[in-house]
Amino acid sequence: MNNSAHLSRVPAPVLAFAQSRTGKMLSGFAGREVRDVLRAALAFRRPRSVPTFPDDLKRSFRDDLAMDVARLRQMTGYAFSGWSI
């Protein structure tokens, strides 16, 4: 889920330009703060609504991924405490 309130309100053509070769080149000249200000200024559309995700599907994903996540934590030695499944 994209949790960025500004990004979800930026028009699609602007986002497409930002991902283009020219957009990526230009973003290299601007620091993070400048890009954040531009993104906020361009965020004039209504925010996208987060679609509902059925609880039974969440449980299914959680069950399917639990062993993989445990194995990743064991292999890397990191708890990934900010993660949830």
PDB file of N, CA and C in Angstrom:
ATOM      1  N   MET A   1       0.847  -1.171   0.000  1.00  0.00           N
ATOM      2  CA  MET A   1       0.000   0.000   0.000  1.00  0.00           C
ATOM      3  C   MET A   1       0.892   1.233   0.000  1.00  0.00           C
ATOM      4  N   ASN A   2       0.614   2.141  -0.871  1.00  0.00           N
ATOM      5  CA  ASN A   2       1.336   3.400  -0.906  1.00  0.00           C
ATOM      6  C   ASN A   2       0.708   4.317   0.137  1.00  0.00           C
ATOM      7  N   ASN A   3       1.479   4.663   1.137  1.00  0.00           N
ATOM      8  CA  ASN A   3       0.941   5.419   2.252  1.00  0.00           C
ATOM      9  C   ASN A   3       1.220   6.910   2.124  1.00  0.00           C
ATOM     10  N   SER A   4       1.771   7.340   1.020  1.00  0.00           N
ATOM     11  CA  SER A   4       2.132   8.734   0.844  1.00  0.00           C
ATOM     12  C   SER A   4       0.913   9.551   0.426  1.00  0.00           C
ATOM     13  N   ALA A   5       0.462  10.420   1.294  1.00  0.00           N
ATOM     14  CA  ALA A   5      -0.729  11.222   1.004  1.00  0.00           C
ATOM     15  C   ALA A   5      -0.498  12.128  -0.200  1.00  0.00           C
ATOM     16  N   HIS A   6       0.681  12.717  -0.316  1.00  0.00           N
ATOM     17  CA  HIS A   6       0.955  13.614  -1.437  1.00  0.00           C
ATOM     18  C   HIS A   6       1.029  12.854  -2.757  1.00  0.00           C
ATOM     19  N   LEU A   7       1.737  11.756  -2.756  1.00  0.00           N
ATOM     20  CA  LEU A   7       1.946  11.015  -3.992  1.00  0.00           C
ATOM     21  C   LEU A   7       0.632  10.520  -4.574  1.00  0.00           C
ATOM     22  N   SER A   8      -0.284  10.111  -3.728  1.00  0.00           N
ATOM     23  CA  SER A   8      -1.547   9.595  -4.235  1.00  0.00           C
ATOM     24  C   SER A   8      -2.414  10.687  -4.839  1.00  0.00           C
ATOM     25  N   ARG A   9      -2.069  11.946  -4.628  1.00  0.00           N
ATOM     26  CA  ARG A   9      -2.862  13.046  -5.157  1.00  0.00           C
ATOM     27  C   ARG A   9      -2.211  13.705  -6.372  1.00  0.00           C
ATOM     28  N   VAL A  10      -1.030  13.275  -6.739  1.00  0.00           N
ATOM     29  CA  VAL A  10      -0.337  13.828  -7.900  1.00  0.00           C
ATOM     30  C   VAL A  10      -0.930  13.196  -9.157  1.00  0.00           C
ATOM     31  N   PRO A  11      -1.272  14.004 -10.162  1.00  0.00           N
ATOM     32  CA  PRO A  11      -1.861  13.459 -11.390  1.00  0.00           C
ATOM     33  C   PRO A  11      -0.948  12.434 -12.075  1.00  0.00           C
ATOM     34  N   ALA A  12      -1.559  11.436 -12.679  1.00  0.00           N
ATOM     35  CA  ALA A  12      -0.826  10.340 -13.310  1.00  0.00           C
ATOM     36  C   ALA A  12       0.194  10.811 -14.356  1.00  0.00           C
ATOM     37  N   PRO A  13      -0.115  11.812 -15.215  1.00  0.00           N
ATOM     38  CA  PRO A  13       0.899  12.243 -16.186  1.00  0.00           C
ATOM     39  C   PRO A  13       2.160  12.811 -15.524  1.00  0.00           C
ATOM     40  N   VAL A  14       1.986  13.465 -14.396  1.00  0.00           N
ATOM     41  CA  VAL A  14       3.144  14.006 -13.680  1.00  0.00           C
ATOM     42  C   VAL A  14       3.987  12.866 -13.132  1.00  0.00           C
ATOM     43  N   LEU A  15       3.332  11.858 -12.568  1.00  0.00           N
ATOM     44  CA  LEU A  15       4.068  10.701 -12.067  1.00  0.00           C
ATOM     45  C   LEU A  15       4.783   9.969 -13.198  1.00  0.00           C
ATOM     46  N   ALA A  16       4.119   9.862 -14.347  1.00  0.00           N
ATOM     47  CA  ALA A  16       4.739   9.208 -15.501  1.00  0.00           C
ATOM     48  C   ALA A  16       5.982   9.970 -15.944  1.00  0.00           C
ATOM     49  N   PHE A  17       5.890  11.305 -15.962  1.00  0.00           N
ATOM     50  CA  PHE A  17       7.057  12.105 -16.322  1.00  0.00           C
ATOM     51  C   PHE A  17       8.183  11.893 -15.317  1.00  0.00           C
ATOM     52  N   ALA A  18       7.842  11.847 -14.036  1.00  0.00           N
ATOM     53  CA  ALA A  18       8.862  11.668 -12.997  1.00  0.00           C
ATOM     54  C   ALA A  18       9.601  10.346 -13.163  1.00  0.00           C
ATOM     55  N   GLN A  19       8.921   9.323 -13.702  1.00  0.00           N
ATOM     56  CA  GLN A  19       9.550   8.024 -13.908  1.00  0.00           C
ATOM     57  C   GLN A  19      10.249   7.900 -15.262  1.00  0.00           C
ATOM     58  N   SER A  20      10.094   8.903 -16.113  1.00  0.00           N
ATOM     59  CA  SER A  20      10.734   8.865 -17.425  1.00  0.00           C
ATOM     60  C   SER A  20      12.237   9.131 -17.288  1.00  0.00           C
ATOM     61  N   ARG A  21      12.947   8.881 -18.345  1.00  0.00           N
ATOM     62  CA  ARG A  21      14.399   9.113 -18.341  1.00  0.00           C
ATOM     63  C   ARG A  21      14.713  10.574 -18.026  1.00  0.00           C
ATOM     64  N   THR A  22      13.985  11.491 -18.659  1.00  0.00           N
ATOM     65  CA  THR A  22      14.205  12.922 -18.428  1.00  0.00           C
ATOM     66  C   THR A  22      13.860  13.299 -16.989  1.00  0.00           C
ATOM     67  N   GLY A  23      12.729  12.787 -16.493  1.00  0.00           N
ATOM     68  CA  GLY A  23      12.321  13.075 -15.119  1.00  0.00           C
ATOM     69  C   GLY A  23      13.330  12.584 -14.106  1.00  0.00           C
ATOM     70  N   LYS A  24      13.849  11.391 -14.316  1.00  0.00           N
ATOM     71  CA  LYS A  24      14.860  10.851 -13.404  1.00  0.00           C
ATOM     72  C   LYS A  24      16.142  11.671 -13.459  1.00  0.00           C
ATOM     73  N   MET A  25      16.513  12.107 -14.665  1.00  0.00           N
ATOM     74  CA  MET A  25      17.708  12.922 -14.802  1.00  0.00           C
ATOM     75  C   MET A  25      17.538  14.244 -14.053  1.00  0.00           C
ATOM     76  N   LEU A  26      16.375  14.875 -14.235  1.00  0.00           N
ATOM     77  CA  LEU A  26      16.129  16.155 -13.565  1.00  0.00           C
ATOM     78  C   LEU A  26      16.056  16.004 -12.053  1.00  0.00           C
ATOM     79  N   SER A  27      15.509  14.896 -11.577  1.00  0.00           N
ATOM     80  CA  SER A  27      15.404  14.713 -10.134  1.00  0.00           C
ATOM     81  C   SER A  27      16.780  14.583  -9.486  1.00  0.00           C
ATOM     82  N   GLY A  28      17.777  14.177 -10.274  1.00  0.00           N
ATOM     83  CA  GLY A  28      19.140  14.100  -9.757  1.00  0.00           C
ATOM     84  C   GLY A  28      19.721  15.455  -9.409  1.00  0.00           C
ATOM     85  N   PHE A  29      19.172  16.502 -10.005  1.00  0.00           N
ATOM     86  CA  PHE A  29      19.663  17.853  -9.730  1.00  0.00           C
ATOM     87  C   PHE A  29      18.967  18.495  -8.536  1.00  0.00           C
ATOM     88  N   ALA A  30      17.873  17.924  -8.117  1.00  0.00           N
ATOM     89  CA  ALA A  30      17.103  18.487  -7.006  1.00  0.00           C
ATOM     90  C   ALA A  30      17.277  17.597  -5.776  1.00  0.00           C
ATOM     91  N   GLY A  31      17.471  18.200  -4.642  1.00  0.00           N
ATOM     92  CA  GLY A  31      17.586  17.444  -3.404  1.00  0.00           C
ATOM     93  C   GLY A  31      16.231  16.906  -2.962  1.00  0.00           C
ATOM     94  N   ARG A  32      16.267  16.077  -1.955  1.00  0.00           N
ATOM     95  CA  ARG A  32      15.040  15.457  -1.447  1.00  0.00           C
ATOM     96  C   ARG A  32      14.022  16.510  -0.999  1.00  0.00           C
ATOM     97  N   GLU A  33      14.494  17.557  -0.323  1.00  0.00           N
ATOM     98  CA  GLU A  33      13.585  18.602   0.169  1.00  0.00           C
ATOM     99  C   GLU A  33      12.868  19.298  -0.987  1.00  0.00           C
ATOM    100  N   VAL A  34      13.588  19.593  -2.060  1.00  0.00           N
ATOM    101  CA  VAL A  34      12.990  20.254  -3.227  1.00  0.00           C
ATOM    102  C   VAL A  34      11.946  19.344  -3.855  1.00  0.00           C
ATOM    103  N   ARG A  35      12.280  18.054  -4.004  1.00  0.00           N
ATOM    104  CA  ARG A  35      11.317  17.110  -4.582  1.00  0.00           C
ATOM    105  C   ARG A  35      10.076  16.977  -3.711  1.00  0.00           C
ATOM    106  N   ASP A  36      10.248  16.979  -2.392  1.00  0.00           N
ATOM    107  CA  ASP A  36       9.102  16.888  -1.491  1.00  0.00           C
ATOM    108  C   ASP A  36       8.199  18.115  -1.609  1.00  0.00           C
ATOM    109  N   VAL A  37       8.798  19.296  -1.740  1.00  0.00           N
ATOM    110  CA  VAL A  37       8.017  20.529  -1.899  1.00  0.00           C
ATOM    111  C   VAL A  37       7.250  20.494  -3.219  1.00  0.00           C
ATOM    112  N   LEU A  38       7.911  20.076  -4.296  1.00  0.00           N
ATOM    113  CA  LEU A  38       7.243  19.977  -5.600  1.00  0.00           C
ATOM    114  C   LEU A  38       6.093  18.969  -5.559  1.00  0.00           C
ATOM    115  N   ARG A  39       6.339  17.818  -4.940  1.00  0.00           N
ATOM    116  CA  ARG A  39       5.303  16.794  -4.854  1.00  0.00           C
ATOM    117  C   ARG A  39       4.096  17.327  -4.086  1.00  0.00           C
ATOM    118  N   ALA A  40       4.343  18.033  -2.983  1.00  0.00           N
ATOM    119  CA  ALA A  40       3.243  18.595  -2.190  1.00  0.00           C
ATOM    120  C   ALA A  40       2.492  19.660  -2.986  1.00  0.00           C
ATOM    121  N   ALA A  41       3.225  20.468  -3.762  1.00  0.00           N
ATOM    122  CA  ALA A  41       2.587  21.525  -4.557  1.00  0.00           C
ATOM    123  C   ALA A  41       1.720  20.939  -5.672  1.00  0.00           C
ATOM    124  N   LEU A  42       2.120  19.794  -6.202  1.00  0.00           N
ATOM    125  CA  LEU A  42       1.381  19.174  -7.303  1.00  0.00           C
ATOM    126  C   LEU A  42       0.243  18.283  -6.820  1.00  0.00           C
ATOM    127  N   ALA A  43       0.138  18.104  -5.528  1.00  0.00           N
ATOM    128  CA  ALA A  43      -0.869  17.202  -4.965  1.00  0.00           C
ATOM    129  C   ALA A  43      -2.194  17.925  -4.807  1.00  0.00           C
ATOM    130  N   PHE A  44      -2.884  18.151  -5.925  1.00  0.00           N
ATOM    131  CA  PHE A  44      -4.132  18.903  -5.861  1.00  0.00           C
ATOM    132  C   PHE A  44      -5.357  18.035  -6.089  1.00  0.00           C
ATOM    133  N   ARG A  45      -5.173  16.789  -6.433  1.00  0.00           N
ATOM    134  CA  ARG A  45      -6.322  15.892  -6.615  1.00  0.00           C
ATOM    135  C   ARG A  45      -6.774  15.352  -5.267  1.00  0.00           C
ATOM    136  N   ARG A  46      -7.981  14.805  -5.248  1.00  0.00           N
ATOM    137  CA  ARG A  46      -8.452  14.145  -4.028  1.00  0.00           C
ATOM    138  C   ARG A  46      -7.596  12.911  -3.773  1.00  0.00           C
ATOM    139  N   PRO A  47      -7.320  12.608  -2.520  1.00  0.00           N
ATOM    140  CA  PRO A  47      -6.531  11.400  -2.231  1.00  0.00           C
ATOM    141  C   PRO A  47      -7.281  10.148  -2.669  1.00  0.00           C
ATOM    142  N   ARG A  48      -6.522   9.159  -3.104  1.00  0.00           N
ATOM    143  CA  ARG A  48      -7.122   7.879  -3.445  1.00  0.00           C
ATOM    144  C   ARG A  48      -7.611   7.216  -2.170  1.00  0.00           C
ATOM    145  N   SER A  49      -8.690   6.513  -2.270  1.00  0.00           N
ATOM    146  CA  SER A  49      -9.171   5.784  -1.101  1.00  0.00           C
ATOM    147  C   SER A  49      -8.521   4.404  -1.083  1.00  0.00           C
ATOM    148  N   VAL A  50      -8.228   3.951   0.095  1.00  0.00           N
ATOM    149  CA  VAL A  50      -7.609   2.647   0.247  1.00  0.00           C
ATOM    150  C   VAL A  50      -8.693   1.586   0.073  1.00  0.00           C
ATOM    151  N   PRO A  51      -8.486   0.654  -0.847  1.00  0.00           N
ATOM    152  CA  PRO A  51      -9.512  -0.376  -1.049  1.00  0.00           C
ATOM    153  C   PRO A  51      -9.602  -1.291   0.164  1.00  0.00           C
ATOM    154  N   THR A  52     -10.767  -1.819   0.378  1.00  0.00           N
ATOM    155  CA  THR A  52     -10.931  -2.758   1.486  1.00  0.00           C
ATOM    156  C   THR A  52     -10.273  -4.075   1.122  1.00  0.00           C
ATOM    157  N   PHE A  53      -9.765  -4.721   2.107  1.00  0.00           N
ATOM    158  CA  PHE A  53      -9.086  -5.995   1.927  1.00  0.00           C
ATOM    159  C   PHE A  53      -9.781  -6.981   2.849  1.00  0.00           C
ATOM    160  N   PRO A  54     -10.455  -7.979   2.324  1.00  0.00           N
ATOM    161  CA  PRO A  54     -11.231  -8.899   3.152  1.00  0.00           C
ATOM    162  C   PRO A  54     -10.386  -9.588   4.226  1.00  0.00           C
ATOM    163  N   ASP A  55     -10.947  -9.697   5.429  1.00  0.00           N
ATOM    164  CA  ASP A  55     -10.229 -10.312   6.545  1.00  0.00           C
ATOM    165  C   ASP A  55      -9.817 -11.749   6.263  1.00  0.00           C
ATOM    166  N   ASP A  56     -10.660 -12.511   5.578  1.00  0.00           N
ATOM    167  CA  ASP A  56     -10.304 -13.896   5.291  1.00  0.00           C
ATOM    168  C   ASP A  56      -9.120 -13.982   4.335  1.00  0.00           C
ATOM    169  N   LEU A  57      -9.002 -13.024   3.414  1.00  0.00           N
ATOM    170  CA  LEU A  57      -7.863 -12.998   2.504  1.00  0.00           C
ATOM    171  C   LEU A  57      -6.594 -12.595   3.254  1.00  0.00           C
ATOM    172  N   LYS A  58      -6.712 -11.646   4.172  1.00  0.00           N
ATOM    173  CA  LYS A  58      -5.567 -11.264   5.011  1.00  0.00           C
ATOM    174  C   LYS A  58      -5.067 -12.467   5.806  1.00  0.00           C
ATOM    175  N   ARG A  59      -6.000 -13.197   6.409  1.00  0.00           N
ATOM    176  CA  ARG A  59      -5.615 -14.388   7.183  1.00  0.00           C
ATOM    177  C   ARG A  59      -4.913 -15.414   6.295  1.00  0.00           C
ATOM    178  N   SER A  60      -5.429 -15.583   5.107  1.00  0.00           N
ATOM    179  CA  SER A  60      -4.829 -16.538   4.176  1.00  0.00           C
ATOM    180  C   SER A  60      -3.400 -16.144   3.822  1.00  0.00           C
ATOM    181  N   PHE A  61      -3.189 -14.861   3.505  1.00  0.00           N
ATOM    182  CA  PHE A  61      -1.838 -14.380   3.202  1.00  0.00           C
ATOM    183  C   PHE A  61      -0.926 -14.537   4.415  1.00  0.00           C
ATOM    184  N   ARG A  62      -1.444 -14.173   5.574  1.00  0.00           N
ATOM    185  CA  ARG A  62      -0.656 -14.263   6.802  1.00  0.00           C
ATOM    186  C   ARG A  62      -0.217 -15.711   7.025  1.00  0.00           C
ATOM    187  N   ASP A  63      -1.142 -16.646   6.872  1.00  0.00           N
ATOM    188  CA  ASP A  63      -0.809 -18.065   7.056  1.00  0.00           C
ATOM    189  C   ASP A  63       0.191 -18.540   6.010  1.00  0.00           C
ATOM    190  N   ASP A  64      -0.008 -18.141   4.760  1.00  0.00           N
ATOM    191  CA  ASP A  64       0.877 -18.572   3.667  1.00  0.00           C
ATOM    192  C   ASP A  64       2.293 -18.014   3.811  1.00  0.00           C
ATOM    193  N   LEU A  65       2.415 -16.806   4.348  1.00  0.00           N
ATOM    194  CA  LEU A  65       3.720 -16.140   4.411  1.00  0.00           C
ATOM    195  C   LEU A  65       4.454 -16.327   5.729  1.00  0.00           C
ATOM    196  N   ALA A  66       3.793 -16.821   6.752  1.00  0.00           N
ATOM    197  CA  ALA A  66       4.392 -16.897   8.092  1.00  0.00           C
ATOM    198  C   ALA A  66       5.708 -17.670   8.104  1.00  0.00           C
ATOM    199  N   MET A  67       5.744 -18.833   7.460  1.00  0.00           N
ATOM    200  CA  MET A  67       6.972 -19.631   7.464  1.00  0.00           C
ATOM    201  C   MET A  67       8.088 -18.939   6.689  1.00  0.00           C
ATOM    202  N   ASP A  68       7.752 -18.301   5.568  1.00  0.00           N
ATOM    203  CA  ASP A  68       8.765 -17.594   4.779  1.00  0.00           C
ATOM    204  C   ASP A  68       9.352 -16.424   5.563  1.00  0.00           C
ATOM    205  N   VAL A  69       8.496 -15.687   6.259  1.00  0.00           N
ATOM    206  CA  VAL A  69       8.967 -14.554   7.048  1.00  0.00           C
ATOM    207  C   VAL A  69       9.851 -15.043   8.189  1.00  0.00           C
ATOM    208  N   ALA A  70       9.449 -16.105   8.859  1.00  0.00           N
ATOM    209  CA  ALA A  70      10.264 -16.664   9.946  1.00  0.00           C
ATOM    210  C   ALA A  70      11.620 -17.111   9.427  1.00  0.00           C
ATOM    211  N   ARG A  71      11.626 -17.744   8.257  1.00  0.00           N
ATOM    212  CA  ARG A  71      12.893 -18.201   7.664  1.00  0.00           C
ATOM    213  C   ARG A  71      13.779 -17.017   7.276  1.00  0.00           C
ATOM    214  N   LEU A  72      13.187 -15.957   6.716  1.00  0.00           N
ATOM    215  CA  LEU A  72      13.963 -14.765   6.368  1.00  0.00           C
ATOM    216  C   LEU A  72      14.581 -14.145   7.616  1.00  0.00           C
ATOM    217  N   ARG A  73      13.800 -14.047   8.690  1.00  0.00           N
ATOM    218  CA  ARG A  73      14.326 -13.493   9.942  1.00  0.00           C
ATOM    219  C   ARG A  73      15.468 -14.352  10.472  1.00  0.00           C
ATOM    220  N   GLN A  74      15.316 -15.660  10.386  1.00  0.00           N
ATOM    221  CA  GLN A  74      16.366 -16.564  10.863  1.00  0.00           C
ATOM    222  C   GLN A  74      17.623 -16.439  10.001  1.00  0.00           C
ATOM    223  N   MET A  75      17.455 -16.404   8.680  1.00  0.00           N
ATOM    224  CA  MET A  75      18.602 -16.342   7.772  1.00  0.00           C
ATOM    225  C   MET A  75      19.370 -15.032   7.902  1.00  0.00           C
ATOM    226  N   THR A  76      18.654 -13.928   8.095  1.00  0.00           N
ATOM    227  CA  THR A  76      19.319 -12.629   8.143  1.00  0.00           C
ATOM    228  C   THR A  76      19.752 -12.224   9.544  1.00  0.00           C
ATOM    229  N   GLY A  77      19.101 -12.801  10.546  1.00  0.00           N
ATOM    230  CA  GLY A  77      19.403 -12.410  11.920  1.00  0.00           C
ATOM    231  C   GLY A  77      18.724 -11.106  12.324  1.00  0.00           C
ATOM    232  N   TYR A  78      17.849 -10.594  11.460  1.00  0.00           N
ATOM    233  CA  TYR A  78      17.122  -9.360  11.755  1.00  0.00           C
ATOM    234  C   TYR A  78      15.693  -9.698  12.157  1.00  0.00           C
ATOM    235  N   ALA A  79      15.172  -8.950  13.129  1.00  0.00           N
ATOM    236  CA  ALA A  79      13.803  -9.198  13.598  1.00  0.00           C
ATOM    237  C   ALA A  79      12.764  -8.562  12.692  1.00  0.00           C
ATOM    238  N   PHE A  80      13.154  -7.526  11.935  1.00  0.00           N
ATOM    239  CA  PHE A  80      12.190  -6.799  11.097  1.00  0.00           C
ATOM    240  C   PHE A  80      10.960  -6.430  11.920  1.00  0.00           C
ATOM    241  N   SER A  81      11.204  -5.820  13.071  1.00  0.00           N
ATOM    242  CA  SER A  81      10.117  -5.536  14.009  1.00  0.00           C
ATOM    243  C   SER A  81       9.060  -4.589  13.437  1.00  0.00           C
ATOM    244  N   GLY A  82       9.410  -3.823  12.422  1.00  0.00           N
ATOM    245  CA  GLY A  82       8.442  -2.917  11.801  1.00  0.00           C
ATOM    246  C   GLY A  82       7.522  -3.603  10.812  1.00  0.00           C
ATOM    247  N   TRP A  83       7.790  -4.871  10.551  1.00  0.00           N
ATOM    248  CA  TRP A  83       6.986  -5.617   9.600  1.00  0.00           C
ATOM    249  C   TRP A  83       5.789  -6.241  10.285  1.00  0.00           C
ATOM    250  N   SER A  84       4.782  -6.458   9.512  1.00  0.00           N
ATOM    251  CA  SER A  84       3.672  -7.270   9.982  1.00  0.00           C
ATOM    252  C   SER A  84       3.127  -8.028   8.778  1.00  0.00           C
ATOM    253  N   ILE A  85       2.568  -9.163   9.045  1.00  0.00           N
ATOM    254  CA  ILE A  85       1.944  -9.942   7.971  1.00  0.00           C
ATOM    255  C   ILE A  85       0.552 -10.338   8.400  1.00  0.00           C
TER     256      ILE A  85
END
